[in-house]
Amino acid sequence: MDGNGRWATERGLPRVAGHRKGADAVRRIIESAPPLGIGALTLYAFSSDNWKRPAEEVSALMRLFEHYLQTEVEECAAKDVRLSFIGRRDRLSSTVVRLISDSEDRTRYCERLHVRIAVDYSSRDALVVAARTAGPNATRETVAAALPAPDVDLLIRTGGEQRLSDFLLWECAYAELVFLPVMWPDFQASHLDTAVASFRKRERRFGAAPAA
């Protein structure tokens, strides 16, 4: 979900306007994903490094999270969309934590689409926790089981950047990557469709030799 701030700056708007517009893109993609055969979607909303941003922008983002959780959960439940959150919660406000827990409880049994939202998330931190949980006799399987998300099939990064930025590093070991120049607020269902179509044309070998 990259490019919200730049989208706003290019239009002479405050950065928070880009984040609000980005929330509209989230709604579009949640609606567009299931018809494309997508059953799970993970959105990188706020990284642990994003705390370094100006306090005004961080506060605006947290207010936007609160508003989204207060206004969108019932619609998600009505559309059979499950919400869950990955990342730290100890640095979030009590209000945000309560709304996160409520949204997870309210949509726990929804099955059409599982949307994971990464808030105060760092893949490196998640890997440290998983390694400690798995213990000295850790295996790939026990570390993977201790991580908050399953393996990723397709990773799409908007905004023109071509890096993972501490997002699901273990889980993306064999993900197919698509980097798009479009800013997240302008991300449309057609962009998702194109990325999925590209994914379906790729031969995924997971380290094996090409098919004869």
Protein backbone atom coordinates (compact mmCIF):
# COMPACT_ATOMS: atom_id res chain seq x y z
CA MET A 1 0.00 0.00 0.00
CA ASP A 2 2.80 2.39 -0.95
CA GLY A 3 2.52 5.89 -2.35
CA ASN A 4 -0.24 7.54 -0.31
CA GLY A 5 1.92 10.43 0.88
CA ARG A 6 3.54 11.03 -2.50
CA TRP A 7 0.12 10.91 -4.18
CA ALA A 8 -1.06 13.73 -1.94
CA THR A 9 2.15 15.78 -2.21
CA GLU A 10 2.03 15.68 -6.01
CA ARG A 11 -1.45 17.23 -5.80
CA GLY A 12 -0.52 19.89 -3.28
CA LEU A 13 -2.51 18.16 -0.54
CA PRO A 14 -1.51 17.21 3.01
CA ARG A 15 -0.14 13.67 3.25
CA VAL A 16 -3.10 12.55 5.34
CA ALA A 17 -5.35 13.21 2.33
CA GLY A 18 -3.42 10.49 0.51
CA HIS A 19 -3.97 8.08 3.38
CA ARG A 20 -7.71 8.78 3.30
CA LYS A 21 -7.74 8.17 -0.44
CA GLY A 22 -5.77 5.00 0.15
CA ALA A 23 -8.58 3.70 2.36
CA ASP A 24 -10.86 3.91 -0.68
CA ALA A 25 -8.43 1.69 -2.57
CA VAL A 26 -8.57 -0.85 0.27
CA ARG A 27 -12.35 -1.06 -0.14
CA ARG A 28 -12.02 -1.54 -3.89
CA ILE A 29 -9.48 -4.33 -3.60
CA ILE A 30 -11.34 -6.17 -0.85
CA GLU A 31 -14.37 -6.20 -3.13
CA SER A 32 -12.38 -7.20 -6.22
CA ALA A 33 -10.22 -9.97 -4.74
CA PRO A 34 -12.67 -12.88 -4.30
CA PRO A 35 -13.90 -12.95 -7.93
CA LEU A 36 -10.25 -13.38 -8.96
CA GLY A 37 -9.91 -16.48 -6.81
CA ILE A 38 -8.06 -14.70 -3.99
CA GLY A 39 -8.93 -16.14 -0.59
CA ALA A 40 -6.41 -14.26 1.56
CA LEU A 41 -5.01 -10.75 1.31
CA THR A 42 -2.38 -9.11 3.54
CA LEU A 43 -2.14 -5.31 3.51
CA TYR A 44 0.91 -3.48 4.88
CA ALA A 45 -0.76 -0.52 6.58
CA PHE A 46 1.88 0.69 9.05
CA SER A 47 5.38 -0.65 9.54
CA SER A 48 7.32 -0.52 12.78
CA ASP A 49 9.66 1.94 11.09
CA ASN A 50 6.76 4.25 10.27
CA TRP A 51 6.88 5.52 13.85
CA LYS A 52 9.81 7.62 12.61
CA ARG A 53 7.45 9.74 10.52
CA PRO A 54 6.28 13.16 11.76
CA ALA A 55 4.09 12.89 14.85
CA GLU A 56 1.25 14.73 13.10
CA GLU A 57 1.16 12.18 10.29
CA VAL A 58 1.32 9.23 12.68
CA SER A 59 -1.54 10.65 14.77
CA ALA A 60 -3.61 11.17 11.63
CA LEU A 61 -2.97 7.57 10.55
CA MET A 62 -4.05 6.25 13.93
CA ARG A 63 -7.24 8.31 13.79
CA LEU A 64 -7.85 6.87 10.33
CA PHE A 65 -7.43 3.34 11.69
CA GLU A 66 -9.95 4.12 14.42
CA HIS A 67 -12.44 5.52 11.92
CA TYR A 68 -12.00 2.57 9.55
CA LEU A 69 -12.49 0.03 12.31
CA GLN A 70 -15.56 1.84 13.61
CA THR A 71 -17.25 2.18 10.23
CA GLU A 72 -16.18 -0.76 8.07
CA VAL A 73 -16.38 -3.82 10.29
CA GLU A 74 -20.10 -4.38 9.92
CA GLU A 75 -19.83 -4.20 6.14
CA CYS A 76 -16.94 -6.66 6.19
CA ALA A 77 -19.01 -9.04 8.29
CA ALA A 78 -21.99 -8.64 5.96
CA LYS A 79 -19.77 -9.47 2.97
CA ASP A 80 -18.27 -12.51 4.73
CA VAL A 81 -14.82 -10.89 5.03
CA ARG A 82 -12.66 -11.88 7.98
CA LEU A 83 -10.33 -9.27 9.47
CA SER A 84 -7.21 -10.04 11.47
CA PHE A 85 -4.18 -7.98 12.40
CA ILE A 86 -0.49 -8.82 12.60
CA GLY A 87 2.19 -6.79 14.33
CA ARG A 88 2.78 -5.35 17.78
CA ARG A 89 -0.10 -3.98 19.82
CA ASP A 90 1.73 -2.71 22.89
CA ARG A 91 2.55 0.62 21.21
CA LEU A 92 -0.97 1.25 19.93
CA SER A 93 -3.56 3.20 21.87
CA SER A 94 -6.02 1.29 24.03
CA THR A 95 -8.81 2.45 21.71
CA VAL A 96 -7.14 1.04 18.61
CA VAL A 97 -6.32 -2.22 20.39
CA ARG A 98 -9.93 -2.58 21.55
CA LEU A 99 -11.28 -1.89 18.06
CA ILE A 100 -8.84 -4.40 16.55
CA SER A 101 -9.94 -7.09 18.99
CA ASP A 102 -13.61 -6.30 18.41
CA SER A 103 -13.21 -6.47 14.62
CA GLU A 104 -11.41 -9.81 14.85
CA ASP A 105 -14.13 -11.22 17.09
CA ARG A 106 -16.95 -9.86 14.92
CA THR A 107 -15.58 -11.36 11.69
CA ARG A 108 -13.91 -14.49 13.08
CA TYR A 109 -16.13 -16.95 11.21
CA CYS A 110 -16.29 -15.13 7.87
CA GLU A 111 -14.96 -17.21 4.99
CA ARG A 112 -15.23 -15.39 1.63
CA LEU A 113 -11.96 -13.51 2.10
CA HIS A 114 -9.41 -13.31 4.91
CA VAL A 115 -7.86 -9.84 5.12
CA ARG A 116 -4.79 -9.50 7.32
CA ILE A 117 -3.74 -5.95 8.11
CA ALA A 118 -0.16 -5.38 9.23
CA VAL A 119 0.02 -2.57 11.80
CA ASP A 120 3.24 -1.77 13.69
CA TYR A 121 4.63 -4.77 11.85
CA SER A 122 8.25 -5.75 11.25
CA SER A 123 9.12 -9.05 9.63
CA ARG A 124 12.53 -9.05 11.31
CA ASP A 125 10.88 -8.67 14.71
CA ALA A 126 8.37 -11.40 13.87
CA LEU A 127 11.23 -13.72 12.90
CA VAL A 128 13.02 -13.07 16.20
CA VAL A 129 9.86 -13.94 18.13
CA ALA A 130 9.24 -17.02 16.01
CA ALA A 131 12.81 -18.26 16.50
CA ARG A 132 12.52 -17.84 20.27
CA THR A 133 9.17 -19.64 20.23
CA ALA A 134 10.53 -22.51 18.14
CA GLY A 135 13.48 -22.93 20.51
CA PRO A 136 16.98 -24.34 20.04
CA ASN A 137 15.73 -27.32 18.02
CA ALA A 138 13.88 -25.12 15.56
CA THR A 139 13.05 -26.42 12.10
CA ARG A 140 11.61 -24.67 9.09
CA GLU A 141 8.24 -26.08 10.04
CA THR A 142 8.28 -24.91 13.66
CA VAL A 143 9.47 -21.41 12.74
CA ALA A 144 6.82 -21.13 10.03
CA ALA A 145 4.14 -22.26 12.50
CA ALA A 146 5.18 -19.49 14.91
CA LEU A 147 4.87 -16.74 12.30
CA PRO A 148 1.64 -14.72 12.01
CA ALA A 149 0.98 -15.37 8.30
CA PRO A 150 1.29 -18.27 5.85
CA ASP A 151 3.53 -18.36 2.79
CA VAL A 152 2.80 -15.71 0.18
CA ASP A 153 2.00 -16.63 -3.42
CA LEU A 154 1.95 -13.15 -4.96
CA LEU A 155 3.38 -9.90 -3.61
CA ILE A 156 2.33 -6.64 -5.24
CA ARG A 157 4.14 -3.43 -4.34
CA THR A 158 2.76 -0.13 -5.56
CA GLY A 159 4.46 3.26 -5.67
CA GLY A 160 7.36 2.36 -7.93
CA GLU A 161 9.68 1.04 -5.22
CA GLN A 162 11.33 -2.34 -5.79
CA ARG A 163 12.10 -3.71 -2.34
CA LEU A 164 10.33 -5.72 0.37
CA SER A 165 10.76 -3.16 3.18
CA ASP A 166 10.66 -5.67 6.03
CA PHE A 167 7.38 -7.23 4.89
CA LEU A 168 6.80 -11.00 5.33
CA LEU A 169 10.43 -11.83 4.52
CA TRP A 170 10.20 -15.52 5.42
CA GLU A 171 6.74 -15.91 3.95
CA CYS A 172 7.84 -14.35 0.64
CA ALA A 173 10.73 -16.78 0.11
CA TYR A 174 9.09 -18.12 -3.07
CA ALA A 175 6.52 -15.41 -3.72
CA GLU A 176 6.06 -14.08 -7.22
CA LEU A 177 6.81 -10.35 -7.17
CA VAL A 178 5.02 -7.60 -9.09
CA PHE A 179 6.22 -3.99 -8.79
CA LEU A 180 3.95 -1.28 -10.13
CA PRO A 181 4.59 2.45 -10.63
CA VAL A 182 1.00 3.32 -9.73
CA MET A 183 0.48 4.95 -6.34
CA TRP A 184 -1.77 3.03 -3.93
CA PRO A 185 -4.66 5.56 -4.01
CA ASP A 186 -4.86 5.01 -7.78
CA PHE A 187 -4.69 1.21 -7.53
CA GLN A 188 -7.74 -0.21 -9.29
CA ALA A 189 -9.33 -3.61 -9.68
CA SER A 190 -7.83 -3.70 -13.19
CA HIS A 191 -4.31 -3.48 -11.71
CA LEU A 192 -5.05 -6.41 -9.42
CA ASP A 193 -6.50 -8.37 -12.33
CA THR A 194 -3.38 -7.73 -14.41
CA ALA A 195 -1.07 -8.80 -11.57
CA VAL A 196 -3.03 -12.00 -10.98
CA ALA A 197 -3.02 -12.77 -14.71
CA SER A 198 0.77 -12.35 -14.75
CA PHE A 199 1.10 -14.63 -11.73
CA ARG A 200 -0.92 -17.37 -13.41
CA LYS A 201 1.40 -17.36 -16.42
CA ARG A 202 4.54 -17.92 -14.35
CA GLU A 203 6.11 -21.31 -13.77
CA ARG A 204 6.63 -21.75 -10.04
CA ARG A 205 9.40 -24.30 -9.48
CA PHE A 206 10.31 -23.72 -5.80
CA GLY A 207 13.94 -24.53 -6.60
CA ALA A 208 13.24 -27.53 -8.79
CA ALA A 209 14.34 -27.92 -12.39
CA PRO A 210 12.06 -26.54 -15.15
CA ALA A 211 9.40 -28.86 -16.44
CA ALA A 212 10.51 -30.90 -19.43
